[in-house]
């Protein structure tokens, strides 16, 4: 059985089981149609079920239609270089920001990573800076995007965090995350800080806007706790839209991680590095020989290059052609890998240009009380 929580993702993930276990709801055609009408189209990550479930999305859309615009909240735990899996949620969040013309509050949880990782405070600050460059490179609207840097914005966040903390027991945290008495006391408190951006804009402005949080489904346990607490504090429960996790290069189980940079595509990788990693490590659904592959075809359901193309090939017709050609044996493993290499390198070329330009833009995005 797979293990899924904010601190560990292991095994083959059964998303239908997670819907039942987490008590979340599958995205319905009606909800997708509402979003499509608003956008004039639907994001390919929604069309393909990569964002697949929600909490209270209908309510957030209802409020939006009444003129009570939601704000978006997402974040980043800065402890190392970012990989393509990290960017998936942010790319989708940008689409939501552009489509609905809404604010984004973006939390950098440097406190969390210092408490949970064997890294110095200064190392975490270095990675906070580097990760901010990647976030800016996504293309969020600087007039409607506000970075919250936990230790730097503690003056406005901590007074709200202690109100949250007062409503959460240690037993709740232990049950949700599998903590023991040996966890440091900062880690036990951390969920209180992660809850704050779900209502902080309303506190700062004396408003009652809904909050919509796009996130990887592994982060849901934090917000199951948050939703209960913020309601007790007189705020709306945040709505959530859940995404599946991008699988690692070496197979369809688990979640891609930066801890083994040779087996993840990092946002700073050059074209040769991308090519080498995919050719060497990407798990194939092909046959053992060209002859057998031509005869029997490949299995797209377990083929990592095909699974990743669902994120990077936006054209449904092209993706279907790749699927059919690979499954029939017309397309070889080397060919589907090359298609993915070209797609990723094109994406990263543009991302890295914007990332370089972002070095002069961080102040534009930092929230200023």
Protein backbone atom coordinates (compact mmCIF):
# COMPACT_ATOMS: atom_id res chain seq x y z
CA UNK A 1 0.00 0.00 0.00
CA UNK A 2 1.30 3.45 -0.92
CA UNK A 3 2.30 6.00 1.72
CA UNK A 4 1.03 9.53 0.96
CA UNK A 5 1.61 12.52 3.23
CA UNK A 6 3.43 15.88 2.99
CA UNK A 7 6.70 14.31 4.15
CA UNK A 8 6.69 10.94 2.40
CA UNK A 9 5.32 9.57 -0.89
CA UNK A 10 6.11 5.93 -1.60
CA UNK A 11 4.60 3.20 -3.78
CA UNK A 12 2.05 3.04 -6.58
CA UNK A 13 -0.60 5.66 -5.94
CA UNK A 14 -4.26 4.72 -6.32
CA UNK A 15 -5.95 8.08 -6.78
CA UNK A 16 -9.46 6.65 -6.58
CA UNK A 17 -8.55 5.20 -3.19
CA UNK A 18 -7.17 8.58 -2.10
CA UNK A 19 -10.48 10.26 -2.98
CA UNK A 20 -12.24 7.93 -0.57
CA UNK A 21 -9.51 7.94 2.09
CA UNK A 22 -9.01 11.73 2.15
CA UNK A 23 -12.71 12.52 1.81
CA UNK A 24 -12.21 14.67 -1.28
CA UNK A 25 -14.47 14.86 -4.34
CA UNK A 26 -13.67 14.03 -7.94
CA UNK A 27 -13.85 16.95 -10.37
CA UNK A 28 -17.13 16.60 -12.25
CA UNK A 29 -17.87 17.47 -15.89
CA UNK A 30 -20.17 20.25 -14.61
CA UNK A 31 -17.35 21.94 -12.70
CA UNK A 32 -14.97 21.58 -15.64
CA UNK A 33 -17.59 23.08 -17.95
CA UNK A 34 -18.02 26.08 -15.65
CA UNK A 35 -14.28 26.69 -15.71
CA UNK A 36 -14.18 26.19 -19.46
CA UNK A 37 -16.89 28.80 -20.04
CA UNK A 38 -15.07 31.31 -17.88
CA UNK A 39 -11.73 30.67 -19.60
CA UNK A 40 -12.93 30.18 -23.15
CA UNK A 41 -11.11 26.85 -22.97
CA UNK A 42 -9.84 24.38 -20.43
CA UNK A 43 -6.27 23.80 -19.27
CA UNK A 44 -4.78 20.54 -20.54
CA UNK A 45 -3.92 19.47 -16.97
CA UNK A 46 -7.66 19.60 -16.21
CA UNK A 47 -8.69 17.93 -19.45
CA UNK A 48 -6.37 15.02 -18.75
CA UNK A 49 -7.36 14.53 -15.14
CA UNK A 50 -3.96 15.54 -13.74
CA UNK A 51 -5.86 17.96 -11.55
CA UNK A 52 -8.56 15.55 -10.53
CA UNK A 53 -10.25 16.34 -7.21
CA UNK A 54 -11.35 19.20 -5.00
CA UNK A 55 -12.84 20.49 -1.79
CA UNK A 56 -15.56 23.17 -2.10
CA UNK A 57 -14.60 24.29 -5.63
CA UNK A 58 -18.28 24.74 -6.52
CA UNK A 59 -18.71 27.13 -3.59
CA UNK A 60 -15.63 29.15 -4.65
CA UNK A 61 -16.99 29.43 -8.21
CA UNK A 62 -20.44 30.36 -6.90
CA UNK A 63 -18.92 33.16 -4.82
CA UNK A 64 -16.87 34.31 -7.82
CA UNK A 65 -20.02 34.52 -9.93
CA UNK A 66 -21.61 36.70 -7.22
CA UNK A 67 -18.68 39.12 -7.51
CA UNK A 68 -16.80 37.86 -4.44
CA UNK A 69 -13.54 36.91 -6.15
CA UNK A 70 -11.44 34.22 -4.54
CA UNK A 71 -7.70 34.63 -4.07
CA UNK A 72 -5.20 31.88 -4.82
CA UNK A 73 -2.69 30.47 -2.36
CA UNK A 74 0.20 28.19 -3.20
CA UNK A 75 3.75 27.81 -1.96
CA UNK A 76 7.22 26.34 -1.97
CA UNK A 77 9.37 24.60 0.62
CA UNK A 78 12.87 25.89 -0.19
CA UNK A 79 15.50 23.25 0.62
CA UNK A 80 17.14 22.55 -2.72
CA UNK A 81 16.88 22.94 -6.50
CA UNK A 82 13.46 22.65 -8.08
CA UNK A 83 12.47 20.00 -10.61
CA UNK A 84 9.73 19.88 -13.25
CA UNK A 85 7.26 18.29 -10.84
CA UNK A 86 7.40 21.38 -8.63
CA UNK A 87 6.46 23.59 -11.57
CA UNK A 88 3.31 21.67 -12.52
CA UNK A 89 1.15 23.22 -9.81
CA UNK A 90 2.57 26.68 -10.48
CA UNK A 91 1.92 26.52 -14.23
CA UNK A 92 -1.67 25.58 -13.48
CA UNK A 93 -1.90 28.31 -10.82
CA UNK A 94 -0.79 30.89 -13.39
CA UNK A 95 -3.60 29.75 -15.66
CA UNK A 96 -6.07 30.21 -12.81
CA UNK A 97 -4.68 33.67 -12.06
CA UNK A 98 -4.91 34.73 -15.70
CA UNK A 99 -8.32 33.14 -16.31
CA UNK A 100 -10.08 34.48 -13.25
CA UNK A 101 -8.02 37.70 -12.89
CA UNK A 102 -7.29 37.07 -9.21
CA UNK A 103 -4.55 37.61 -6.66
CA UNK A 104 -2.02 34.97 -5.71
CA UNK A 105 -0.43 34.73 -2.27
CA UNK A 106 2.71 32.64 -2.54
CA UNK A 107 4.28 31.28 0.66
CA UNK A 108 7.97 30.36 0.96
CA UNK A 109 8.21 28.08 3.99
CA UNK A 110 11.84 28.57 4.94
CA UNK A 111 10.92 27.89 8.57
CA UNK A 112 9.51 24.47 7.71
CA UNK A 113 12.56 23.38 5.73
CA UNK A 114 14.96 24.57 8.43
CA UNK A 115 13.03 22.55 11.01
CA UNK A 116 12.71 19.38 8.91
CA UNK A 117 15.95 19.28 6.91
CA UNK A 118 19.55 18.81 7.99
CA UNK A 119 20.55 22.19 6.58
CA UNK A 120 21.71 25.45 8.13
CA UNK A 121 19.52 28.53 8.24
CA UNK A 122 21.82 30.23 5.71
CA UNK A 123 21.56 27.27 3.31
CA UNK A 124 17.78 27.48 3.47
CA UNK A 125 17.90 31.23 2.71
CA UNK A 126 20.07 30.53 -0.35
CA UNK A 127 17.50 28.06 -1.66
CA UNK A 128 14.66 30.47 -0.86
CA UNK A 129 16.29 33.01 -3.19
CA UNK A 130 16.87 30.40 -5.92
CA UNK A 131 13.32 29.06 -5.68
CA UNK A 132 11.88 32.58 -5.86
CA UNK A 133 13.60 32.99 -9.23
CA UNK A 134 11.80 29.90 -10.52
CA UNK A 135 8.45 31.13 -9.21
CA UNK A 136 8.86 34.52 -10.90
CA UNK A 137 9.91 32.77 -14.13
CA UNK A 138 6.47 31.11 -14.34
CA UNK A 139 5.09 34.51 -15.35
CA UNK A 140 2.74 35.45 -12.51
CA UNK A 141 1.34 38.97 -12.60
CA UNK A 142 3.54 41.05 -10.25
CA UNK A 143 0.67 43.46 -9.57
CA UNK A 144 -1.48 40.60 -8.28
CA UNK A 145 1.17 38.28 -6.74
CA UNK A 146 2.45 38.58 -3.18
CA UNK A 147 5.37 36.54 -1.84
CA UNK A 148 5.22 35.65 1.85
CA UNK A 149 8.64 34.65 3.22
CA UNK A 150 7.79 33.05 6.56
CA UNK A 151 10.74 34.20 8.65
CA UNK A 152 10.79 37.66 7.03
CA UNK A 153 7.03 38.18 7.29
CA UNK A 154 6.73 36.70 10.77
CA UNK A 155 5.59 40.07 12.09
CA UNK A 156 2.27 39.76 10.27
CA UNK A 157 2.03 35.95 10.19
CA UNK A 158 2.90 34.93 13.75
CA UNK A 159 -0.01 36.71 15.50
CA UNK A 160 -2.40 34.76 13.27
CA UNK A 161 -0.41 31.52 13.55
CA UNK A 162 -0.74 31.40 17.33
CA UNK A 163 -4.52 31.75 17.00
CA UNK A 164 -4.42 28.70 14.74
CA UNK A 165 -2.02 26.83 17.04
CA UNK A 166 -4.30 27.30 20.02
CA UNK A 167 -6.98 25.27 18.21
CA UNK A 168 -4.74 22.29 17.25
CA UNK A 169 -3.69 19.56 19.66
CA UNK A 170 -0.43 17.62 19.55
CA UNK A 171 -2.43 14.41 19.15
CA UNK A 172 -4.03 15.79 15.97
CA UNK A 173 -0.62 16.58 14.48
CA UNK A 174 0.78 13.18 15.45
CA UNK A 175 -2.16 11.42 13.90
CA UNK A 176 -2.06 13.43 10.66
CA UNK A 177 1.69 13.18 10.00
CA UNK A 178 2.91 10.20 11.97
CA UNK A 179 5.01 12.37 14.29
CA UNK A 180 6.43 10.98 17.53
CA UNK A 181 7.66 12.48 20.78
CA UNK A 182 11.10 12.82 19.19
CA UNK A 183 9.94 15.44 16.65
CA UNK A 184 11.30 18.89 17.41
CA UNK A 185 8.70 21.30 18.78
CA UNK A 186 9.04 23.61 15.79
CA UNK A 187 7.88 20.89 13.41
CA UNK A 188 4.82 20.34 15.57
CA UNK A 189 3.92 24.04 15.31
CA UNK A 190 4.56 24.36 11.57
CA UNK A 191 1.03 23.55 10.28
CA UNK A 192 -0.11 26.71 12.07
CA UNK A 193 2.13 28.83 9.83
CA UNK A 194 1.05 27.00 6.69
CA UNK A 195 -2.59 27.72 7.55
CA UNK A 196 -2.17 31.50 7.81
CA UNK A 197 -2.08 32.49 4.10
CA UNK A 198 -5.49 30.83 3.64
CA UNK A 199 -7.05 33.78 5.48
CA UNK A 200 -4.29 36.40 5.97
CA UNK A 201 -5.35 38.63 3.03
CA UNK A 202 -8.80 38.91 4.57
CA UNK A 203 -7.33 39.87 7.96
CA UNK A 204 -5.08 42.50 6.38
CA UNK A 205 -7.96 44.01 4.39
CA UNK A 206 -10.94 43.24 6.62
CA UNK A 207 -12.61 41.19 3.87
CA UNK A 208 -14.33 37.80 3.54
CA UNK A 209 -13.04 36.53 0.19
CA UNK A 210 -12.80 32.81 -0.51
CA UNK A 211 -9.39 31.19 -0.85
CA UNK A 212 -8.60 28.57 -3.52
CA UNK A 213 -5.51 26.41 -3.04
CA UNK A 214 -4.10 24.40 -5.97
CA UNK A 215 -1.82 21.72 -4.52
CA UNK A 216 -0.35 18.27 -4.92
CA UNK A 217 -2.66 15.79 -3.22
CA UNK A 218 0.14 14.75 -0.83
CA UNK A 219 -0.23 18.16 0.86
CA UNK A 220 -3.91 17.65 1.68
CA UNK A 221 -3.36 16.48 5.30
CA UNK A 222 -2.08 19.96 6.26
CA UNK A 223 -5.22 21.57 4.93
CA UNK A 224 -7.68 19.08 6.38
CA UNK A 225 -6.49 20.44 9.71
CA UNK A 226 -6.43 24.04 8.42
CA UNK A 227 -10.00 23.92 7.14
CA UNK A 228 -11.36 22.88 10.51
CA UNK A 229 -9.38 25.52 12.38
CA UNK A 230 -9.98 28.56 10.18
CA UNK A 231 -13.73 28.03 10.41
CA UNK A 232 -13.44 28.06 14.21
CA UNK A 233 -11.61 31.38 13.88
CA UNK A 234 -14.46 32.88 11.88
CA UNK A 235 -12.99 32.54 8.38
CA UNK A 236 -14.18 30.63 5.32
CA UNK A 237 -12.73 27.17 4.83
CA UNK A 238 -10.30 27.35 1.90
CA UNK A 239 -11.38 25.56 -1.27
CA UNK A 240 -8.81 23.17 -2.74
CA UNK A 241 -8.08 21.69 -6.14
CA UNK A 242 -5.86 18.60 -6.02
CA UNK A 243 -3.23 17.54 -8.52
CA UNK A 244 -1.61 14.18 -9.14
CA UNK A 245 2.12 13.88 -8.55
CA UNK A 246 4.59 13.75 -11.42
CA UNK A 247 6.25 10.35 -11.33
CA UNK A 248 10.04 9.98 -11.12
CA UNK A 249 12.09 9.17 -14.21
CA UNK A 250 12.79 5.63 -13.11
CA UNK A 251 9.16 4.51 -12.93
CA UNK A 252 5.49 5.28 -12.41
CA UNK A 253 5.57 4.82 -8.61
CA UNK A 254 6.01 7.55 -6.05
CA UNK A 255 6.91 11.18 -6.67
CA UNK A 256 9.85 12.85 -8.40
CA UNK A 257 12.39 14.27 -5.93
CA UNK A 258 15.45 16.53 -6.10
CA UNK A 259 17.31 14.38 -3.59
CA UNK A 260 18.71 12.37 -6.52
CA UNK A 261 19.38 15.10 -9.13
CA UNK A 262 20.57 12.53 -11.69
CA UNK A 263 17.05 11.08 -11.82
CA UNK A 264 15.04 14.31 -11.85
CA UNK A 265 14.97 17.10 -14.43
CA UNK A 266 15.93 20.32 -12.65
CA UNK A 267 14.86 23.78 -13.78
CA UNK A 268 18.52 24.71 -14.31
CA UNK A 269 19.51 21.65 -16.39
CA UNK A 270 21.06 22.35 -19.80
CA UNK A 271 19.92 20.52 -22.97
CA UNK A 272 22.68 17.89 -22.78
CA UNK A 273 21.84 17.07 -19.17
CA UNK A 274 18.15 16.68 -20.04
CA UNK A 275 18.99 14.38 -22.94
CA UNK A 276 21.37 12.27 -20.87
CA UNK A 277 18.96 11.86 -17.94
CA UNK A 278 15.99 10.90 -20.09
CA UNK A 279 17.91 8.50 -22.29
CA UNK A 280 19.61 6.86 -19.32
CA UNK A 281 16.94 6.84 -16.62
CA UNK A 282 13.45 7.23 -18.12
CA UNK A 283 11.56 3.98 -17.60
CA UNK A 284 10.33 2.54 -20.88
CA UNK A 285 7.15 0.68 -21.67
CA UNK A 286 8.76 -0.67 -24.82
CA UNK A 287 9.81 -4.20 -25.68
CA UNK A 288 13.29 -5.69 -25.29
CA UNK A 289 14.11 -5.51 -29.02
CA UNK A 290 13.07 -3.44 -32.03
CA UNK A 291 11.61 -6.55 -33.66
CA UNK A 292 9.42 -7.37 -30.65
CA UNK A 293 8.42 -3.73 -30.25
CA UNK A 294 7.31 -3.50 -33.89
CA UNK A 295 5.32 -6.69 -33.39
CA UNK A 296 3.85 -6.22 -29.91
CA UNK A 297 3.97 -2.46 -29.43
CA UNK A 298 4.73 -0.47 -26.27
CA UNK A 299 2.73 0.16 -23.12
CA UNK A 300 2.05 3.91 -22.75
CA UNK A 301 0.44 3.38 -19.32
CA UNK A 302 3.83 2.62 -17.72
CA UNK A 303 6.12 4.49 -20.13
CA UNK A 304 7.55 7.54 -18.34
CA UNK A 305 8.24 9.57 -21.53
CA UNK A 306 4.59 9.20 -22.50
CA UNK A 307 3.36 9.92 -18.95
CA UNK A 308 5.48 13.08 -18.89
CA UNK A 309 4.27 14.18 -22.32
CA UNK A 310 0.81 14.48 -20.81
CA UNK A 311 2.23 17.52 -18.99
CA UNK A 312 4.24 19.03 -21.85
CA UNK A 313 2.33 18.28 -25.07
CA UNK A 314 -0.70 20.55 -24.93
CA UNK A 315 -2.19 19.42 -28.27
CA UNK A 316 -4.60 16.54 -27.60
CA UNK A 317 -4.49 15.29 -31.19
CA UNK A 318 -0.69 15.12 -31.19
CA UNK A 319 -0.65 13.34 -27.83
CA UNK A 320 -3.18 10.77 -29.06
CA UNK A 321 -1.10 10.15 -32.19
CA UNK A 322 1.99 9.56 -30.05
CA UNK A 323 0.00 7.19 -27.81
CA UNK A 324 -1.40 5.21 -30.74
CA UNK A 325 1.87 5.04 -32.65
CA UNK A 326 3.79 3.91 -29.60
CA UNK A 327 1.18 1.35 -28.58
CA UNK A 328 1.04 -0.11 -32.11
CA UNK A 329 4.83 -0.38 -32.38
CA UNK A 330 5.08 2.21 -35.14
CA UNK A 331 6.97 4.54 -32.77
CA UNK A 332 10.08 3.25 -30.99
CA UNK A 333 11.27 3.97 -27.46
CA UNK A 334 14.11 6.17 -28.72
CA UNK A 335 11.67 8.22 -30.76
CA UNK A 336 9.24 8.92 -27.92
CA UNK A 337 12.17 9.82 -25.67
CA UNK A 338 13.42 12.30 -28.28
CA UNK A 339 9.99 13.94 -28.51
CA UNK A 340 10.04 14.42 -24.73
CA UNK A 341 13.62 15.73 -24.76
CA UNK A 342 12.71 18.34 -27.39
CA UNK A 343 9.58 19.39 -25.48
CA UNK A 344 11.36 19.78 -22.16
CA UNK A 345 14.33 21.61 -23.63
CA UNK A 346 12.02 24.07 -25.39
CA UNK A 347 10.16 24.65 -22.11
CA UNK A 348 13.35 25.09 -20.09
CA UNK A 349 14.97 27.43 -22.63
CA UNK A 350 12.17 29.95 -22.09
CA UNK A 351 11.96 29.31 -18.35
CA UNK A 352 15.70 29.86 -17.88
CA UNK A 353 15.60 33.18 -19.78
CA UNK A 354 12.86 34.43 -17.48
CA UNK A 355 14.66 32.98 -14.47
CA UNK A 356 17.77 35.03 -15.25
CA UNK A 357 15.71 38.20 -15.65
CA UNK A 358 13.99 37.46 -12.33
CA UNK A 359 17.19 38.26 -10.39
CA UNK A 360 16.29 41.94 -10.66
CA UNK A 361 12.60 41.49 -9.91
CA UNK A 362 12.27 39.79 -6.50
CA UNK A 363 11.35 43.03 -4.74
CA UNK A 364 8.41 43.49 -7.13
CA UNK A 365 6.81 40.32 -5.77
CA UNK A 366 7.52 40.60 -2.03
CA UNK A 367 4.49 41.57 0.04
CA UNK A 368 5.04 44.97 1.66
CA UNK A 369 2.90 45.55 4.77
